[in-house]
Amino acid sequence: MMNAEPQWKKVLSDAEMVKRLDRPAGRIDVVLDTDTYNEIDDQFALSYMVRSREKLDVKAIYAAPFFNMHSTSPGDGMERSYQEILKVLTLLDAEELKKVTYRGSAEYLPSEEEPAVSDAAKDLAERAMCYSGENPLYVISIGAITNIASAILMNPEIIERMVVIWLGGHGLHWPDTREFNMVQDIAAARIIFGCGVPLVQLPCMGVVSEFAATGPELEYHLRGKNKLCEYLLEHTLEEVTLYDAGRAWSRVIWDVTAVAWLLDGDFMQDYLIHSPIPEYDGKYAFDDTRHFIRYVYHVNRDRLFADLFEKLQK
């Protein structure tokens, strides 16, 4: 007897999937899922999103778990991220968004069948039901994708009502896929790549790794412009001292690219591929019978930085 498909699997037809994965026209509703305290790029991405309201109508912000040198556990990372979101929103004069900022999971998925229930997952599981295939909710995820996968496990109906843009995994040509966002919660990644939700993947090494800025660039474009720019610059310089002190350096501002995919500006190139399968051994598996996702393969670095700096300086 063949195993039944997981409850969360709801694959659209190829034609419908391709249609859903077109870059949207007009103003759209978005939510952001972010491990904001993890590094320095999430603060840039959050700021870029809020400063792009001509295109993006921000409906909610979710704090994602993370565990590295900046936290003592995934739950501590999530709580620090939650507090960092509130801090950045103050610098953005976006106090109204604090009311729709939610704590995410304090742990990663226990399995591919069990959600890590949180306020963020509950909100997405409910909020996405107000949308449709013709008018989807766009979910930008720039951390471990635990909250999004949990919402899908809690309410699989939302698969057909949203589009997920995730910065996670490495390029298909990279020798492994042990990228921070993916390796923290492989179970969640396997759900996102396997459930049939319309998905745009922005791979890290080999693709988004080209989106790096140098110290002199950041000094020129951010120093003295406003409180937000000063904070982003100083926070970046503090982070650099942990890794590159005393050496020539550049920093990848990874997460900005996930926001930029939704904007009008010809900031990147992509194509459709059959959804790869993140395996627990740090590799991708491939199956040409699987549904399509959109895969970003190039970022127009200069064009995107020009738009980012212009909006941050507002």
C-alpha atoms as a PDB file:
ATOM      1  CA  MET A   1       0.000   0.000   0.000  1.00  0.00           C
ATOM      2  CA  MET A   2       1.324   3.437  -0.928  1.00  0.00           C
ATOM      3  CA  ASN A   3       1.789   5.948   1.857  1.00  0.00           C
ATOM      4  CA  ALA A   4      -0.831   8.694   1.908  1.00  0.00           C
ATOM      5  CA  GLU A   5       0.317  12.187   1.018  1.00  0.00           C
ATOM      6  CA  PRO A   6       0.904  14.413   4.069  1.00  0.00           C
ATOM      7  CA  GLN A   7      -2.085  16.455   5.108  1.00  0.00           C
ATOM      8  CA  TRP A   8      -0.213  19.640   4.317  1.00  0.00           C
ATOM      9  CA  LYS A   9       0.540  18.768   0.686  1.00  0.00           C
ATOM     10  CA  LYS A  10      -1.656  20.782  -1.719  1.00  0.00           C
ATOM     11  CA  VAL A  11       0.136  21.127  -5.050  1.00  0.00           C
ATOM     12  CA  LEU A  12      -1.376  23.452  -7.653  1.00  0.00           C
ATOM     13  CA  SER A  13      -1.376  22.647 -11.360  1.00  0.00           C
ATOM     14  CA  ASP A  14       1.752  23.732 -13.266  1.00  0.00           C
ATOM     15  CA  ALA A  15      -0.152  26.499 -15.051  1.00  0.00           C
ATOM     16  CA  GLU A  16      -1.633  27.855 -11.845  1.00  0.00           C
ATOM     17  CA  MET A  17       1.712  27.664 -10.029  1.00  0.00           C
ATOM     18  CA  VAL A  18       3.478  29.574 -12.796  1.00  0.00           C
ATOM     19  CA  LYS A  19       0.788  32.246 -12.645  1.00  0.00           C
ATOM     20  CA  ARG A  20       1.097  32.592  -8.865  1.00  0.00           C
ATOM     21  CA  LEU A  21       4.870  32.921  -9.124  1.00  0.00           C
ATOM     22  CA  ASP A  22       4.797  35.939 -11.420  1.00  0.00           C
ATOM     23  CA  ARG A  23       6.108  39.077  -9.760  1.00  0.00           C
ATOM     24  CA  PRO A  24       3.025  40.987  -8.533  1.00  0.00           C
ATOM     25  CA  ALA A  25       1.841  44.252 -10.008  1.00  0.00           C
ATOM     26  CA  GLY A  26       0.359  47.041  -7.929  1.00  0.00           C
ATOM     27  CA  ARG A  27       0.364  47.413  -4.155  1.00  0.00           C
ATOM     28  CA  ILE A  28       0.306  44.152  -2.213  1.00  0.00           C
ATOM     29  CA  ASP A  29      -0.184  42.917   1.351  1.00  0.00           C
ATOM     30  CA  VAL A  30       2.892  41.455   3.044  1.00  0.00           C
ATOM     31  CA  VAL A  31       4.036  39.978   6.335  1.00  0.00           C
ATOM     32  CA  LEU A  32       7.670  39.610   7.398  1.00  0.00           C
ATOM     33  CA  ASP A  33       9.160  36.698   9.369  1.00  0.00           C
ATOM     34  CA  THR A  34      12.583  37.686  10.711  1.00  0.00           C
ATOM     35  CA  ASP A  35      15.315  36.624  13.155  1.00  0.00           C
ATOM     36  CA  THR A  36      16.152  40.291  13.595  1.00  0.00           C
ATOM     37  CA  TYR A  37      18.785  40.019  16.333  1.00  0.00           C
ATOM     38  CA  ASN A  38      20.779  37.323  14.551  1.00  0.00           C
ATOM     39  CA  GLU A  39      23.045  39.574  12.507  1.00  0.00           C
ATOM     40  CA  ILE A  40      22.805  43.006  10.847  1.00  0.00           C
ATOM     41  CA  ASP A  41      20.955  42.347   7.598  1.00  0.00           C
ATOM     42  CA  ASP A  42      17.474  41.795   9.075  1.00  0.00           C
ATOM     43  CA  GLN A  43      17.399  45.364  10.378  1.00  0.00           C
ATOM     44  CA  PHE A  44      18.180  46.596   6.876  1.00  0.00           C
ATOM     45  CA  ALA A  45      15.466  44.364   5.388  1.00  0.00           C
ATOM     46  CA  LEU A  46      12.827  45.422   7.922  1.00  0.00           C
ATOM     47  CA  SER A  47      13.656  49.084   7.304  1.00  0.00           C
ATOM     48  CA  TYR A  48      13.625  48.632   3.526  1.00  0.00           C
ATOM     49  CA  MET A  49      10.206  46.977   3.692  1.00  0.00           C
ATOM     50  CA  VAL A  50       8.669  49.711   5.841  1.00  0.00           C
ATOM     51  CA  ARG A  51      10.203  52.412   3.621  1.00  0.00           C
ATOM     52  CA  SER A  52       8.698  50.746   0.519  1.00  0.00           C
ATOM     53  CA  ARG A  53       5.060  51.354   1.401  1.00  0.00           C
ATOM     54  CA  GLU A  54       4.276  52.616  -2.074  1.00  0.00           C
ATOM     55  CA  LYS A  55       4.367  48.912  -2.990  1.00  0.00           C
ATOM     56  CA  LEU A  56       4.190  46.944   0.266  1.00  0.00           C
ATOM     57  CA  ASP A  57       1.294  47.200   2.726  1.00  0.00           C
ATOM     58  CA  VAL A  58       2.753  45.655   5.901  1.00  0.00           C
ATOM     59  CA  LYS A  59       0.131  43.625   7.768  1.00  0.00           C
ATOM     60  CA  ALA A  60       2.224  41.812  10.398  1.00  0.00           C
ATOM     61  CA  ILE A  61       5.766  41.098  11.557  1.00  0.00           C
ATOM     62  CA  TYR A  62       6.862  37.814  13.146  1.00  0.00           C
ATOM     63  CA  ALA A  63       9.937  37.121  15.287  1.00  0.00           C
ATOM     64  CA  ALA A  64      11.698  33.913  14.235  1.00  0.00           C
ATOM     65  CA  PRO A  65      13.852  31.656  16.437  1.00  0.00           C
ATOM     66  CA  PHE A  66      17.616  31.434  16.002  1.00  0.00           C
ATOM     67  CA  PHE A  67      20.553  30.018  17.949  1.00  0.00           C
ATOM     68  CA  ASN A  68      24.134  31.242  17.556  1.00  0.00           C
ATOM     69  CA  MET A  69      26.666  33.409  19.394  1.00  0.00           C
ATOM     70  CA  HIS A  70      24.016  36.122  19.817  1.00  0.00           C
ATOM     71  CA  SER A  71      21.551  33.950  21.755  1.00  0.00           C
ATOM     72  CA  THR A  72      21.477  31.252  24.408  1.00  0.00           C
ATOM     73  CA  SER A  73      18.721  29.173  22.768  1.00  0.00           C
ATOM     74  CA  PRO A  74      16.272  29.378  19.834  1.00  0.00           C
ATOM     75  CA  GLY A  75      13.689  30.828  22.190  1.00  0.00           C
ATOM     76  CA  ASP A  76      16.101  33.432  23.503  1.00  0.00           C
ATOM     77  CA  GLY A  77      16.982  34.320  19.916  1.00  0.00           C
ATOM     78  CA  MET A  78      13.297  34.743  19.091  1.00  0.00           C
ATOM     79  CA  GLU A  79      12.709  37.005  22.112  1.00  0.00           C
ATOM     80  CA  ARG A  80      15.778  39.126  21.326  1.00  0.00           C
ATOM     81  CA  SER A  81      14.524  39.398  17.743  1.00  0.00           C
ATOM     82  CA  TYR A  82      11.092  40.485  18.953  1.00  0.00           C
ATOM     83  CA  GLN A  83      12.632  43.264  21.044  1.00  0.00           C
ATOM     84  CA  GLU A  84      14.904  44.289  18.161  1.00  0.00           C
ATOM     85  CA  ILE A  85      11.914  44.584  15.821  1.00  0.00           C
ATOM     86  CA  LEU A  86      10.276  46.994  18.269  1.00  0.00           C
ATOM     87  CA  LYS A  87      13.491  49.016  18.498  1.00  0.00           C
ATOM     88  CA  VAL A  88      13.831  49.349  14.722  1.00  0.00           C
ATOM     89  CA  LEU A  89      10.142  50.265  14.361  1.00  0.00           C
ATOM     90  CA  THR A  90      10.731  53.139  16.792  1.00  0.00           C
ATOM     91  CA  LEU A  91      13.626  54.381  14.645  1.00  0.00           C
ATOM     92  CA  LEU A  92      11.346  54.109  11.601  1.00  0.00           C
ATOM     93  CA  ASP A  93       8.550  56.116  13.282  1.00  0.00           C
ATOM     94  CA  ALA A  94       6.303  53.117  12.593  1.00  0.00           C
ATOM     95  CA  GLU A  95       4.803  52.713  16.052  1.00  0.00           C
ATOM     96  CA  GLU A  96       1.520  51.408  14.597  1.00  0.00           C
ATOM     97  CA  LEU A  97       3.254  48.233  13.415  1.00  0.00           C
ATOM     98  CA  LYS A  98       4.144  47.260  16.979  1.00  0.00           C
ATOM     99  CA  LYS A  99       0.502  46.249  17.486  1.00  0.00           C
ATOM    100  CA  VAL A 100       0.846  43.611  14.751  1.00  0.00           C
ATOM    101  CA  THR A 101       4.287  42.303  15.772  1.00  0.00           C
ATOM    102  CA  TYR A 102       4.120  38.778  17.183  1.00  0.00           C
ATOM    103  CA  ARG A 103       6.443  36.436  19.013  1.00  0.00           C
ATOM    104  CA  GLY A 104       7.260  33.299  17.064  1.00  0.00           C
ATOM    105  CA  SER A 105       8.244  29.819  18.131  1.00  0.00           C
ATOM    106  CA  ALA A 106      10.696  29.237  20.975  1.00  0.00           C
ATOM    107  CA  GLU A 107      11.843  25.980  19.347  1.00  0.00           C
ATOM    108  CA  TYR A 108      12.243  24.378  15.952  1.00  0.00           C
ATOM    109  CA  LEU A 109       9.773  21.842  14.562  1.00  0.00           C
ATOM    110  CA  PRO A 110       9.820  18.576  16.530  1.00  0.00           C
ATOM    111  CA  SER A 111       8.983  16.693  13.302  1.00  0.00           C
ATOM    112  CA  GLU A 112       7.517  17.190   9.836  1.00  0.00           C
ATOM    113  CA  GLU A 113       4.065  16.461  11.248  1.00  0.00           C
ATOM    114  CA  GLU A 114       4.041  18.614  14.412  1.00  0.00           C
ATOM    115  CA  PRO A 115       3.866  22.417  14.457  1.00  0.00           C
ATOM    116  CA  ALA A 116       5.754  24.602  16.894  1.00  0.00           C
ATOM    117  CA  VAL A 117       2.740  26.627  17.977  1.00  0.00           C
ATOM    118  CA  SER A 118       3.269  30.345  18.582  1.00  0.00           C
ATOM    119  CA  ASP A 119       1.434  33.645  18.361  1.00  0.00           C
ATOM    120  CA  ALA A 120       3.083  34.261  14.981  1.00  0.00           C
ATOM    121  CA  ALA A 121       2.035  30.894  13.547  1.00  0.00           C
ATOM    122  CA  LYS A 122      -1.499  31.348  14.867  1.00  0.00           C
ATOM    123  CA  ASP A 123      -1.726  34.789  13.308  1.00  0.00           C
ATOM    124  CA  LEU A 124      -0.559  33.588   9.893  1.00  0.00           C
ATOM    125  CA  ALA A 125      -2.821  30.531   9.978  1.00  0.00           C
ATOM    126  CA  GLU A 126      -5.767  32.872  10.545  1.00  0.00           C
ATOM    127  CA  ARG A 127      -4.680  35.956   8.591  1.00  0.00           C
ATOM    128  CA  ALA A 128      -3.964  34.110   5.333  1.00  0.00           C
ATOM    129  CA  MET A 129      -7.546  32.817   5.241  1.00  0.00           C
ATOM    130  CA  CYS A 130      -8.650  36.349   4.314  1.00  0.00           C
ATOM    131  CA  TYR A 131      -6.811  36.000   0.985  1.00  0.00           C
ATOM    132  CA  SER A 132      -7.184  33.908  -2.162  1.00  0.00           C
ATOM    133  CA  GLY A 133      -5.202  32.549  -5.072  1.00  0.00           C
ATOM    134  CA  GLU A 134      -6.121  35.615  -7.101  1.00  0.00           C
ATOM    135  CA  ASN A 135      -5.248  37.963  -4.234  1.00  0.00           C
ATOM    136  CA  PRO A 136      -2.606  36.199  -2.112  1.00  0.00           C
ATOM    137  CA  LEU A 137      -0.807  37.292   1.023  1.00  0.00           C
ATOM    138  CA  TYR A 138       2.938  37.633   0.370  1.00  0.00           C
ATOM    139  CA  VAL A 139       5.059  36.142   3.163  1.00  0.00           C
ATOM    140  CA  ILE A 140       8.681  37.320   3.306  1.00  0.00           C
ATOM    141  CA  SER A 141      10.802  34.967   5.407  1.00  0.00           C
ATOM    142  CA  ILE A 142      14.438  35.785   6.225  1.00  0.00           C
ATOM    143  CA  GLY A 143      15.217  33.348   9.034  1.00  0.00           C
ATOM    144  CA  ALA A 144      14.555  29.749   9.960  1.00  0.00           C
ATOM    145  CA  ILE A 145      11.159  29.107   8.391  1.00  0.00           C
ATOM    146  CA  THR A 146       9.678  27.480  11.499  1.00  0.00           C
ATOM    147  CA  ASN A 147       6.781  29.905  11.965  1.00  0.00           C
ATOM    148  CA  ILE A 148       5.600  29.597   8.360  1.00  0.00           C
ATOM    149  CA  ALA A 149       5.812  25.792   8.282  1.00  0.00           C
ATOM    150  CA  SER A 150       3.990  25.631  11.619  1.00  0.00           C
ATOM    151  CA  ALA A 151       1.141  27.765  10.275  1.00  0.00           C
ATOM    152  CA  ILE A 152       0.833  25.399   7.309  1.00  0.00           C
ATOM    153  CA  LEU A 153       0.721  22.364   9.590  1.00  0.00           C
ATOM    154  CA  MET A 154      -1.936  24.084  11.693  1.00  0.00           C
ATOM    155  CA  ASN A 155      -4.051  25.090   8.691  1.00  0.00           C
ATOM    156  CA  PRO A 156      -3.054  23.590   5.310  1.00  0.00           C
ATOM    157  CA  GLU A 157      -5.752  25.634   3.561  1.00  0.00           C
ATOM    158  CA  ILE A 158      -3.464  28.665   3.622  1.00  0.00           C
ATOM    159  CA  ILE A 159      -1.119  27.020   1.096  1.00  0.00           C
ATOM    160  CA  GLU A 160      -3.410  28.159  -1.709  1.00  0.00           C
ATOM    161  CA  ARG A 161      -3.797  31.679  -0.293  1.00  0.00           C
ATOM    162  CA  MET A 162      -0.230  32.938  -0.010  1.00  0.00           C
ATOM    163  CA  VAL A 163       3.135  33.215  -1.760  1.00  0.00           C
ATOM    164  CA  VAL A 164       6.320  32.637   0.267  1.00  0.00           C
ATOM    165  CA  ILE A 165       9.574  34.449  -0.525  1.00  0.00           C
ATOM    166  CA  TRP A 166      12.361  32.772   1.448  1.00  0.00           C
ATOM    167  CA  LEU A 167      16.031  33.544   1.749  1.00  0.00           C
ATOM    168  CA  GLY A 168      17.332  30.085   2.587  1.00  0.00           C
ATOM    169  CA  GLY A 169      19.626  27.322   1.393  1.00  0.00           C
ATOM    170  CA  HIS A 170      22.627  27.731  -0.906  1.00  0.00           C
ATOM    171  CA  GLY A 171      22.774  27.821  -4.690  1.00  0.00           C
ATOM    172  CA  LEU A 172      22.034  24.604  -6.551  1.00  0.00           C
ATOM    173  CA  HIS A 173      25.661  24.489  -7.718  1.00  0.00           C
ATOM    174  CA  TRP A 174      27.033  24.846  -4.162  1.00  0.00           C
ATOM    175  CA  PRO A 175      28.577  21.669  -2.690  1.00  0.00           C
ATOM    176  CA  ASP A 176      26.199  21.624   0.273  1.00  0.00           C
ATOM    177  CA  THR A 177      23.106  23.386   1.574  1.00  0.00           C
ATOM    178  CA  ARG A 178      24.198  23.855   5.181  1.00  0.00           C
ATOM    179  CA  GLU A 179      23.046  27.454   5.179  1.00  0.00           C
ATOM    180  CA  PHE A 180      22.100  29.001   8.538  1.00  0.00           C
ATOM    181  CA  ASN A 181      18.387  29.582   7.879  1.00  0.00           C
ATOM    182  CA  MET A 182      17.911  26.122   6.414  1.00  0.00           C
ATOM    183  CA  VAL A 183      20.115  24.007   8.643  1.00  0.00           C
ATOM    184  CA  GLN A 184      18.459  25.258  11.826  1.00  0.00           C
ATOM    185  CA  ASP A 185      15.145  23.636  10.893  1.00  0.00           C
ATOM    186  CA  ILE A 186      15.405  21.140   8.038  1.00  0.00           C
ATOM    187  CA  ALA A 187      11.952  19.741   8.855  1.00  0.00           C
ATOM    188  CA  ALA A 188      10.411  23.173   8.276  1.00  0.00           C
ATOM    189  CA  ALA A 189      12.391  23.634   5.043  1.00  0.00           C
ATOM    190  CA  ARG A 190      11.210  20.255   3.741  1.00  0.00           C
ATOM    191  CA  ILE A 191       7.600  21.273   4.394  1.00  0.00           C
ATOM    192  CA  ILE A 192       8.018  24.575   2.550  1.00  0.00           C
ATOM    193  CA  PHE A 193       9.680  22.951  -0.474  1.00  0.00           C
ATOM    194  CA  GLY A 194       7.287  20.005  -0.498  1.00  0.00           C
ATOM    195  CA  CYS A 195       3.854  21.317   0.437  1.00  0.00           C
ATOM    196  CA  GLY A 196       3.077  23.050  -2.845  1.00  0.00           C
ATOM    197  CA  VAL A 197       2.915  26.610  -1.543  1.00  0.00           C
ATOM    198  CA  PRO A 198       4.021  29.060  -4.276  1.00  0.00           C
ATOM    199  CA  LEU A 199       7.657  29.638  -3.320  1.00  0.00           C
ATOM    200  CA  VAL A 200      10.403  32.019  -4.408  1.00  0.00           C
ATOM    201  CA  GLN A 201      13.840  30.891  -3.198  1.00  0.00           C
ATOM    202  CA  LEU A 202      16.729  33.316  -2.795  1.00  0.00           C
ATOM    203  CA  PRO A 203      19.782  31.065  -2.258  1.00  0.00           C
ATOM    204  CA  CYS A 204      22.591  32.417  -0.123  1.00  0.00           C
ATOM    205  CA  MET A 205      26.090  31.266  -1.155  1.00  0.00           C
ATOM    206  CA  GLY A 206      26.602  31.497  -4.886  1.00  0.00           C
ATOM    207  CA  VAL A 207      23.735  33.955  -5.477  1.00  0.00           C
ATOM    208  CA  VAL A 208      22.792  36.464  -2.755  1.00  0.00           C
ATOM    209  CA  SER A 209      26.380  36.370  -1.459  1.00  0.00           C
ATOM    210  CA  GLU A 210      27.135  38.868  -4.248  1.00  0.00           C
ATOM    211  CA  PHE A 211      25.037  41.517  -2.465  1.00  0.00           C
ATOM    212  CA  ALA A 212      27.820  42.883  -0.263  1.00  0.00           C
ATOM    213  CA  ALA A 213      28.711  46.410   0.832  1.00  0.00           C
ATOM    214  CA  THR A 214      32.058  47.769   1.981  1.00  0.00           C
ATOM    215  CA  GLY A 215      32.809  49.989   4.957  1.00  0.00           C
ATOM    216  CA  PRO A 216      33.496  53.146   2.910  1.00  0.00           C
ATOM    217  CA  GLU A 217      30.225  52.680   0.998  1.00  0.00           C
ATOM    218  CA  LEU A 218      28.209  52.340   4.173  1.00  0.00           C
ATOM    219  CA  GLU A 219      29.960  55.323   5.746  1.00  0.00           C
ATOM    220  CA  TYR A 220      29.243  57.489   2.697  1.00  0.00           C
ATOM    221  CA  HIS A 221      25.579  56.568   2.327  1.00  0.00           C
ATOM    222  CA  LEU A 222      24.518  56.224   5.986  1.00  0.00           C
ATOM    223  CA  ARG A 223      26.704  58.431   8.191  1.00  0.00           C
ATOM    224  CA  GLY A 224      24.814  61.461   9.475  1.00  0.00           C
ATOM    225  CA  LYS A 225      21.685  60.920   7.389  1.00  0.00           C
ATOM    226  CA  ASN A 226      19.211  60.156  10.210  1.00  0.00           C
ATOM    227  CA  LYS A 227      18.913  58.137  13.431  1.00  0.00           C
ATOM    228  CA  LEU A 228      17.975  54.970  11.579  1.00  0.00           C
ATOM    229  CA  CYS A 229      20.965  55.188   9.246  1.00  0.00           C
ATOM    230  CA  GLU A 230      23.305  55.878  12.162  1.00  0.00           C
ATOM    231  CA  TYR A 231      21.984  52.837  14.008  1.00  0.00           C
ATOM    232  CA  LEU A 232      22.337  50.553  10.995  1.00  0.00           C
ATOM    233  CA  LEU A 233      25.883  51.768  10.360  1.00  0.00           C
ATOM    234  CA  GLU A 234      27.070  51.479  13.955  1.00  0.00           C
ATOM    235  CA  HIS A 235      25.472  48.072  14.377  1.00  0.00           C
ATOM    236  CA  THR A 236      27.199  46.864  11.212  1.00  0.00           C
ATOM    237  CA  LEU A 237      30.567  48.164  12.373  1.00  0.00           C
ATOM    238  CA  GLU A 238      30.115  46.433  15.735  1.00  0.00           C
ATOM    239  CA  GLU A 239      29.377  43.160  13.977  1.00  0.00           C
ATOM    240  CA  VAL A 240      32.417  43.540  11.743  1.00  0.00           C
ATOM    241  CA  THR A 241      34.703  43.697  14.786  1.00  0.00           C
ATOM    242  CA  LEU A 242      33.586  40.147  15.652  1.00  0.00           C
ATOM    243  CA  TYR A 243      34.686  38.713  12.315  1.00  0.00           C
ATOM    244  CA  ASP A 244      36.900  41.014  10.273  1.00  0.00           C
ATOM    245  CA  ALA A 245      38.571  43.445  12.659  1.00  0.00           C
ATOM    246  CA  GLY A 246      41.794  44.842  11.229  1.00  0.00           C
ATOM    247  CA  ARG A 247      41.254  43.458   7.736  1.00  0.00           C
ATOM    248  CA  ALA A 248      39.737  44.714   4.520  1.00  0.00           C
ATOM    249  CA  TRP A 249      36.087  43.704   4.613  1.00  0.00           C
ATOM    250  CA  SER A 250      32.673  43.735   3.023  1.00  0.00           C
ATOM    251  CA  ARG A 251      29.397  42.568   4.519  1.00  0.00           C
ATOM    252  CA  VAL A 252      26.626  40.761   2.726  1.00  0.00           C
ATOM    253  CA  ILE A 253      23.285  42.449   3.470  1.00  0.00           C
ATOM    254  CA  TRP A 254      21.538  39.192   2.570  1.00  0.00           C
ATOM    255  CA  ASP A 255      17.968  39.712   3.683  1.00  0.00           C
ATOM    256  CA  VAL A 256      17.276  42.903   1.757  1.00  0.00           C
ATOM    257  CA  THR A 257      17.034  40.817  -1.416  1.00  0.00           C
ATOM    258  CA  ALA A 258      13.927  38.951  -0.228  1.00  0.00           C
ATOM    259  CA  VAL A 259      12.090  42.269   0.133  1.00  0.00           C
ATOM    260  CA  ALA A 260      13.464  43.526  -3.174  1.00  0.00           C
ATOM    261  CA  TRP A 261      12.053  40.591  -5.159  1.00  0.00           C
ATOM    262  CA  LEU A 262       8.582  42.061  -4.631  1.00  0.00           C
ATOM    263  CA  LEU A 263       9.529  45.589  -5.684  1.00  0.00           C
ATOM    264  CA  ASP A 264       9.456  47.245  -9.094  1.00  0.00           C
ATOM    265  CA  GLY A 265      13.051  47.887 -10.054  1.00  0.00           C
ATOM    266  CA  ASP A 266      14.485  45.013 -12.083  1.00  0.00           C
ATOM    267  CA  PHE A 267      16.722  44.083  -9.162  1.00  0.00           C
ATOM    268  CA  MET A 268      17.256  40.389  -9.965  1.00  0.00           C
ATOM    269  CA  GLN A 269      16.863  37.567 -12.442  1.00  0.00           C
ATOM    270  CA  ASP A 270      15.159  34.242 -11.791  1.00  0.00           C
ATOM    271  CA  TYR A 271      13.644  31.202 -13.482  1.00  0.00           C
ATOM    272  CA  LEU A 272      11.346  28.289 -12.723  1.00  0.00           C
ATOM    273  CA  ILE A 273      12.730  24.975 -11.496  1.00  0.00           C
ATOM    274  CA  HIS A 274      11.215  21.820 -10.084  1.00  0.00           C
ATOM    275  CA  SER A 275      11.255  22.141  -6.314  1.00  0.00           C
ATOM    276  CA  PRO A 276      14.441  20.585  -4.887  1.00  0.00           C
ATOM    277  CA  ILE A 277      14.281  18.439  -1.763  1.00  0.00           C
ATOM    278  CA  PRO A 278      16.371  19.583   1.232  1.00  0.00           C
ATOM    279  CA  GLU A 279      17.768  16.417   2.778  1.00  0.00           C
ATOM    280  CA  TYR A 280      18.941  15.878   6.335  1.00  0.00           C
ATOM    281  CA  ASP A 281      22.488  15.150   5.115  1.00  0.00           C
ATOM    282  CA  GLY A 282      23.031  18.739   3.937  1.00  0.00           C
ATOM    283  CA  LYS A 283      22.390  18.055   0.251  1.00  0.00           C
ATOM    284  CA  TYR A 284      19.558  18.613  -2.223  1.00  0.00           C
ATOM    285  CA  ALA A 285      17.769  15.748  -3.909  1.00  0.00           C
ATOM    286  CA  PHE A 286      15.990  16.291  -7.225  1.00  0.00           C
ATOM    287  CA  ASP A 287      12.810  14.981  -8.804  1.00  0.00           C
ATOM    288  CA  ASP A 288      11.577  16.418 -12.111  1.00  0.00           C
ATOM    289  CA  THR A 289       8.011  15.382 -11.347  1.00  0.00           C
ATOM    290  CA  ARG A 290       7.762  17.853  -8.461  1.00  0.00           C
ATOM    291  CA  HIS A 291       5.977  21.198  -8.663  1.00  0.00           C
ATOM    292  CA  PHE A 292       7.672  24.409  -9.762  1.00  0.00           C
ATOM    293  CA  ILE A 293       9.225  27.091  -7.603  1.00  0.00           C
ATOM    294  CA  ARG A 294      10.889  30.323  -8.698  1.00  0.00           C
ATOM    295  CA  TYR A 295      14.665  30.337  -8.199  1.00  0.00           C
ATOM    296  CA  VAL A 296      16.673  33.579  -8.093  1.00  0.00           C
ATOM    297  CA  TYR A 297      20.070  33.207  -9.752  1.00  0.00           C
ATOM    298  CA  HIS A 298      21.373  36.781 -10.034  1.00  0.00           C
ATOM    299  CA  VAL A 299      21.100  40.031  -8.062  1.00  0.00           C
ATOM    300  CA  ASN A 300      21.774  43.399  -9.674  1.00  0.00           C
ATOM    301  CA  ARG A 301      23.904  44.576  -6.792  1.00  0.00           C
ATOM    302  CA  ASP A 302      24.441  48.245  -7.712  1.00  0.00           C
ATOM    303  CA  ARG A 303      20.845  48.937  -8.722  1.00  0.00           C
ATOM    304  CA  LEU A 304      19.479  47.414  -5.540  1.00  0.00           C
ATOM    305  CA  PHE A 305      21.918  49.218  -3.235  1.00  0.00           C
ATOM    306  CA  ALA A 306      21.021  52.531  -4.889  1.00  0.00           C
ATOM    307  CA  ASP A 307      17.334  51.994  -4.097  1.00  0.00           C
ATOM    308  CA  LEU A 308      18.076  50.757  -0.576  1.00  0.00           C
ATOM    309  CA  PHE A 309      20.239  53.738   0.355  1.00  0.00           C
ATOM    310  CA  GLU A 310      17.771  56.221  -1.121  1.00  0.00           C
ATOM    311  CA  LYS A 311      14.923  54.829   0.979  1.00  0.00           C
ATOM    312  CA  LEU A 312      16.944  54.523   4.183  1.00  0.00           C
ATOM    313  CA  GLN A 313      17.948  58.203   3.881  1.00  0.00           C
ATOM    314  CA  LYS A 314      14.316  59.394   3.853  1.00  0.00           C
END
